[in-house]
């Protein structure tokens, strides 16, 4: 049985409190996933963060991390998107890492753990290669030790939890809605633009590899089913069987209902 001293228990409590603070900030800034304020984000709201936090916890348990490291994983996951739209030349990941590391310093957490938290958020950043393949920054970081890499792998994998889950198509739809909102694209172009986006999603399903292989099963193991649904919906849009945004939404919700059984 794992043994704790009072200092470790106190640090775990501090991490949990900081995680709740991050969730409160995201809900205030980007929405709770239900309200419809102009500033709310369709995908990167607190609903996404809670799912990532839960998924990261599953992975941390699967890796049999210590209770303290599980708490650190949970807090990093809670804060990985705490600043989604950064400014001053920072990426969203850099701004989120700065938000978290500053608060960890204020709590006098160990410097090693502060650096691990920073690297774990950096690991969630991604870019698209010339062939359209999405690659997470996780693979490009030189980790100081296996502990840091394991924590980063939990968070980076969890950030993509929806890909192979029953709610994958709905998550993709929300990401698309957020992109359209950010770019100011008119609603009447939604189905045409979504067809292009759907092609990107199919490529993602074909090529993305989780940092932790166990994530595929723990998150739902439905990649083939999601792929076939997305392909079928794309074909229906291209053939004219799906013409309206309501039809897109209904198709994705129907898949979720069937997948949930």
Protein backbone atom coordinates (compact mmCIF):
# COMPACT_ATOMS: atom_id res chain seq x y z
CA UNK A 1 0.00 0.00 0.00
CA UNK A 2 1.26 3.45 -0.92
CA UNK A 3 2.43 5.48 2.06
CA UNK A 4 1.94 9.23 2.40
CA UNK A 5 3.41 11.85 4.66
CA UNK A 6 1.60 15.04 5.57
CA UNK A 7 3.65 17.10 3.11
CA UNK A 8 2.67 14.86 0.17
CA UNK A 9 -0.99 14.90 1.13
CA UNK A 10 -0.91 18.68 1.36
CA UNK A 11 0.71 18.95 -2.09
CA UNK A 12 -1.93 16.63 -3.57
CA UNK A 13 -4.65 18.84 -2.08
CA UNK A 14 -2.96 21.94 -3.51
CA UNK A 15 -2.82 20.36 -6.96
CA UNK A 16 -6.49 19.39 -6.82
CA UNK A 17 -7.44 22.92 -5.78
CA UNK A 18 -5.41 24.39 -8.64
CA UNK A 19 -7.10 22.02 -11.08
CA UNK A 20 -10.49 23.25 -9.93
CA UNK A 21 -9.29 26.83 -10.35
CA UNK A 22 -8.32 26.07 -13.95
CA UNK A 23 -11.73 24.54 -14.68
CA UNK A 24 -13.49 27.57 -13.20
CA UNK A 25 -11.39 29.88 -15.36
CA UNK A 26 -12.19 27.91 -18.53
CA UNK A 27 -15.91 27.84 -17.76
CA UNK A 28 -15.91 31.61 -17.21
CA UNK A 29 -13.80 32.40 -20.27
CA UNK A 30 -14.98 29.82 -22.84
CA UNK A 31 -18.23 28.38 -21.57
CA UNK A 32 -19.63 25.36 -19.79
CA UNK A 33 -20.63 23.55 -22.97
CA UNK A 34 -24.31 24.45 -22.56
CA UNK A 35 -24.63 28.23 -22.45
CA UNK A 36 -24.64 30.25 -25.65
CA UNK A 37 -22.72 33.41 -24.84
CA UNK A 38 -20.91 35.12 -27.74
CA UNK A 39 -17.55 34.41 -26.13
CA UNK A 40 -18.21 30.69 -25.64
CA UNK A 41 -16.25 28.17 -27.70
CA UNK A 42 -18.14 25.24 -29.23
CA UNK A 43 -15.33 22.74 -28.49
CA UNK A 44 -12.61 24.17 -26.26
CA UNK A 45 -14.92 24.84 -23.34
CA UNK A 46 -14.89 23.23 -19.91
CA UNK A 47 -16.65 20.13 -21.28
CA UNK A 48 -13.61 19.25 -23.40
CA UNK A 49 -11.26 19.92 -20.50
CA UNK A 50 -13.20 17.68 -18.10
CA UNK A 51 -13.11 14.85 -20.66
CA UNK A 52 -9.37 15.30 -21.11
CA UNK A 53 -8.87 15.35 -17.35
CA UNK A 54 -10.85 12.12 -16.99
CA UNK A 55 -9.00 10.45 -19.87
CA UNK A 56 -5.61 11.48 -18.48
CA UNK A 57 -6.62 9.98 -15.14
CA UNK A 58 -7.47 6.66 -16.80
CA UNK A 59 -4.05 6.58 -18.41
CA UNK A 60 -2.24 7.54 -15.22
CA UNK A 61 -4.01 4.72 -13.38
CA UNK A 62 -3.18 2.31 -16.19
CA UNK A 63 0.50 3.24 -15.89
CA UNK A 64 0.26 2.78 -12.09
CA UNK A 65 1.65 6.26 -11.43
CA UNK A 66 1.96 7.35 -7.82
CA UNK A 67 -0.98 9.19 -6.25
CA UNK A 68 1.03 12.40 -6.36
CA UNK A 69 1.85 12.00 -10.06
CA UNK A 70 -1.79 11.13 -10.78
CA UNK A 71 -2.74 14.42 -9.11
CA UNK A 72 -0.11 16.25 -11.16
CA UNK A 73 -1.43 14.67 -14.38
CA UNK A 74 -4.98 15.71 -13.46
CA UNK A 75 -3.97 19.31 -12.76
CA UNK A 76 -1.93 19.63 -15.96
CA UNK A 77 -4.85 18.19 -17.95
CA UNK A 78 -7.20 20.71 -16.31
CA UNK A 79 -4.90 23.59 -17.29
CA UNK A 80 -3.73 22.46 -20.73
CA UNK A 81 -6.21 24.79 -22.50
CA UNK A 82 -6.75 27.33 -19.74
CA UNK A 83 -5.67 30.07 -22.18
CA UNK A 84 -6.99 29.09 -25.57
CA UNK A 85 -6.59 32.34 -27.50
CA UNK A 86 -3.20 33.74 -26.56
CA UNK A 87 -1.63 37.06 -27.45
CA UNK A 88 1.77 38.74 -27.25
CA UNK A 89 3.34 36.29 -29.67
CA UNK A 90 2.65 33.25 -27.48
CA UNK A 91 0.93 30.10 -28.62
CA UNK A 92 -2.08 28.94 -26.61
CA UNK A 93 0.02 26.11 -25.18
CA UNK A 94 2.78 28.50 -24.11
CA UNK A 95 0.28 30.82 -22.46
CA UNK A 96 -1.46 27.94 -20.69
CA UNK A 97 1.87 26.58 -19.47
CA UNK A 98 2.84 30.03 -18.19
CA UNK A 99 -0.49 30.32 -16.34
CA UNK A 100 0.03 26.95 -14.66
CA UNK A 101 3.73 27.20 -13.88
CA UNK A 102 3.35 30.63 -12.28
CA UNK A 103 0.70 29.25 -9.93
CA UNK A 104 2.75 26.18 -9.15
CA UNK A 105 5.64 28.46 -8.20
CA UNK A 106 3.35 30.49 -5.95
CA UNK A 107 2.42 27.24 -4.20
CA UNK A 108 6.15 26.42 -3.77
CA UNK A 109 5.82 23.15 -5.68
CA UNK A 110 9.08 21.31 -6.54
CA UNK A 111 10.95 22.92 -9.48
CA UNK A 112 11.24 19.54 -11.21
CA UNK A 113 7.46 19.15 -11.16
CA UNK A 114 6.94 22.67 -12.48
CA UNK A 115 9.18 21.85 -15.44
CA UNK A 116 7.33 18.57 -16.00
CA UNK A 117 4.00 20.44 -16.06
CA UNK A 118 5.39 22.89 -18.61
CA UNK A 119 6.65 20.10 -20.87
CA UNK A 120 3.39 18.16 -20.59
CA UNK A 121 1.35 21.12 -21.85
CA UNK A 122 3.92 21.75 -24.59
CA UNK A 123 3.46 18.11 -25.65
CA UNK A 124 -0.18 18.77 -26.60
CA UNK A 125 0.75 21.29 -29.31
CA UNK A 126 0.56 19.97 -32.86
CA UNK A 127 1.35 20.81 -36.45
CA UNK A 128 0.41 19.41 -39.83
CA UNK A 129 3.14 17.95 -42.04
CA UNK A 130 3.24 18.73 -45.76
CA UNK A 131 1.15 15.62 -46.45
CA UNK A 132 -1.52 16.71 -43.98
CA UNK A 133 -0.50 14.36 -41.17
CA UNK A 134 -1.08 15.74 -37.68
CA UNK A 135 1.95 15.37 -35.41
CA UNK A 136 1.88 16.25 -31.71
CA UNK A 137 4.81 18.08 -30.19
CA UNK A 138 5.10 15.20 -27.71
CA UNK A 139 7.36 13.40 -30.16
CA UNK A 140 9.77 16.35 -30.49
CA UNK A 141 10.56 16.98 -26.81
CA UNK A 142 13.71 15.80 -25.04
CA UNK A 143 12.38 14.71 -21.67
CA UNK A 144 14.69 14.83 -18.64
CA UNK A 145 13.54 11.40 -17.44
CA UNK A 146 10.94 8.67 -17.92
CA UNK A 147 8.68 10.22 -15.27
CA UNK A 148 8.39 13.46 -17.22
CA UNK A 149 7.77 11.57 -20.46
CA UNK A 150 5.08 9.39 -18.88
CA UNK A 151 3.17 12.38 -17.53
CA UNK A 152 3.43 14.16 -20.89
CA UNK A 153 2.24 11.02 -22.69
CA UNK A 154 -0.85 10.85 -20.46
CA UNK A 155 -1.82 14.46 -21.16
CA UNK A 156 -1.00 14.46 -24.88
CA UNK A 157 -2.91 11.20 -25.44
CA UNK A 158 -5.86 12.42 -23.39
CA UNK A 159 -6.11 15.61 -25.47
CA UNK A 160 -7.06 13.38 -28.43
CA UNK A 161 -9.42 11.14 -26.45
CA UNK A 162 -12.42 11.88 -28.66
CA UNK A 163 -10.83 10.51 -31.82
CA UNK A 164 -11.70 6.88 -31.14
CA UNK A 165 -14.69 7.45 -28.83
CA UNK A 166 -18.44 7.34 -29.57
CA UNK A 167 -18.58 11.14 -29.37
CA UNK A 168 -15.76 11.49 -31.93
CA UNK A 169 -17.91 12.75 -34.82
CA UNK A 170 -19.71 15.23 -32.56
CA UNK A 171 -16.35 16.45 -31.25
CA UNK A 172 -15.14 16.93 -34.82
CA UNK A 173 -18.31 18.85 -35.63
CA UNK A 174 -17.73 21.15 -32.64
CA UNK A 175 -14.11 21.74 -33.67
CA UNK A 176 -15.37 22.68 -37.13
CA UNK A 177 -17.97 25.06 -35.68
CA UNK A 178 -15.26 26.71 -33.60
CA UNK A 179 -13.03 27.09 -36.65
CA UNK A 180 -15.87 28.64 -38.66
CA UNK A 181 -16.64 31.05 -35.83
CA UNK A 182 -13.00 32.08 -35.53
CA UNK A 183 -12.66 32.62 -39.28
CA UNK A 184 -15.97 34.43 -39.60
CA UNK A 185 -17.28 32.10 -42.30
CA UNK A 186 -20.99 32.49 -43.11
CA UNK A 187 -23.39 29.73 -41.95
CA UNK A 188 -24.66 29.13 -45.48
CA UNK A 189 -21.26 27.71 -46.44
CA UNK A 190 -21.29 25.26 -43.53
CA UNK A 191 -21.97 22.02 -45.41
CA UNK A 192 -19.54 22.82 -48.23
CA UNK A 193 -16.79 23.76 -45.77
CA UNK A 194 -17.59 20.77 -43.57
CA UNK A 195 -17.00 18.41 -46.47
CA UNK A 196 -13.44 19.75 -46.74
CA UNK A 197 -13.03 19.42 -42.98
CA UNK A 198 -14.35 15.86 -43.09
CA UNK A 199 -11.58 14.94 -45.49
CA UNK A 200 -9.09 16.23 -42.93
CA UNK A 201 -10.75 14.16 -40.22
CA UNK A 202 -10.45 11.03 -42.32
CA UNK A 203 -6.75 11.69 -42.78
CA UNK A 204 -6.39 12.18 -39.02
CA UNK A 205 -8.14 8.88 -38.30
CA UNK A 206 -5.82 7.12 -40.75
CA UNK A 207 -2.55 8.52 -39.45
CA UNK A 208 -2.75 9.64 -35.81
CA UNK A 209 -0.86 7.52 -33.27
CA UNK A 210 -1.38 7.94 -29.52
CA UNK A 211 1.77 8.44 -27.43
CA UNK A 212 0.39 5.67 -25.20
CA UNK A 213 -0.85 2.63 -27.09
CA UNK A 214 -3.28 1.67 -24.32
CA UNK A 215 -5.22 4.88 -25.01
CA UNK A 216 -6.82 3.37 -28.11
CA UNK A 217 -8.69 0.77 -26.06
CA UNK A 218 -9.29 2.88 -22.96
CA UNK A 219 -10.88 5.70 -24.98
CA UNK A 220 -13.31 3.50 -26.92
CA UNK A 221 -11.40 1.59 -29.61
CA UNK A 222 -13.90 2.78 -32.23
CA UNK A 223 -11.52 4.21 -34.82
CA UNK A 224 -12.78 1.96 -37.69
CA UNK A 225 -16.40 2.76 -36.88
CA UNK A 226 -15.78 6.51 -36.65
CA UNK A 227 -13.84 6.37 -39.91
CA UNK A 228 -16.65 4.58 -41.76
CA UNK A 229 -19.22 7.02 -40.40
CA UNK A 230 -17.16 10.05 -41.42
CA UNK A 231 -16.52 8.55 -44.86
CA UNK A 232 -20.20 7.77 -45.38
CA UNK A 233 -21.24 11.26 -44.31
CA UNK A 234 -18.68 12.82 -46.64
CA UNK A 235 -19.97 10.73 -49.54
CA UNK A 236 -23.54 11.75 -48.72
CA UNK A 237 -22.54 15.43 -48.75
CA UNK A 238 -20.71 15.05 -52.05
CA UNK A 239 -23.62 13.19 -53.67
CA UNK A 240 -26.24 15.67 -52.45
CA UNK A 241 -27.98 13.36 -50.00
CA UNK A 242 -26.95 15.66 -47.14
CA UNK A 243 -27.56 19.30 -47.98
CA UNK A 244 -28.22 21.09 -44.70
CA UNK A 245 -26.34 21.59 -41.47
CA UNK A 246 -29.22 20.09 -39.51
CA UNK A 247 -28.72 16.86 -41.45
CA UNK A 248 -25.04 16.83 -40.52
CA UNK A 249 -25.85 17.32 -36.84
CA UNK A 250 -28.54 14.62 -36.92
CA UNK A 251 -26.19 12.13 -38.58
CA UNK A 252 -23.47 12.66 -35.97
CA UNK A 253 -25.94 12.44 -33.08
CA UNK A 254 -27.40 9.25 -34.54
CA UNK A 255 -23.92 7.70 -34.69
CA UNK A 256 -23.30 8.63 -31.05
CA UNK A 257 -26.60 7.05 -29.98
CA UNK A 258 -25.85 3.82 -31.86
CA UNK A 259 -22.25 3.66 -30.64
CA UNK A 260 -23.32 4.11 -27.04
CA UNK A 261 -25.65 1.12 -27.51
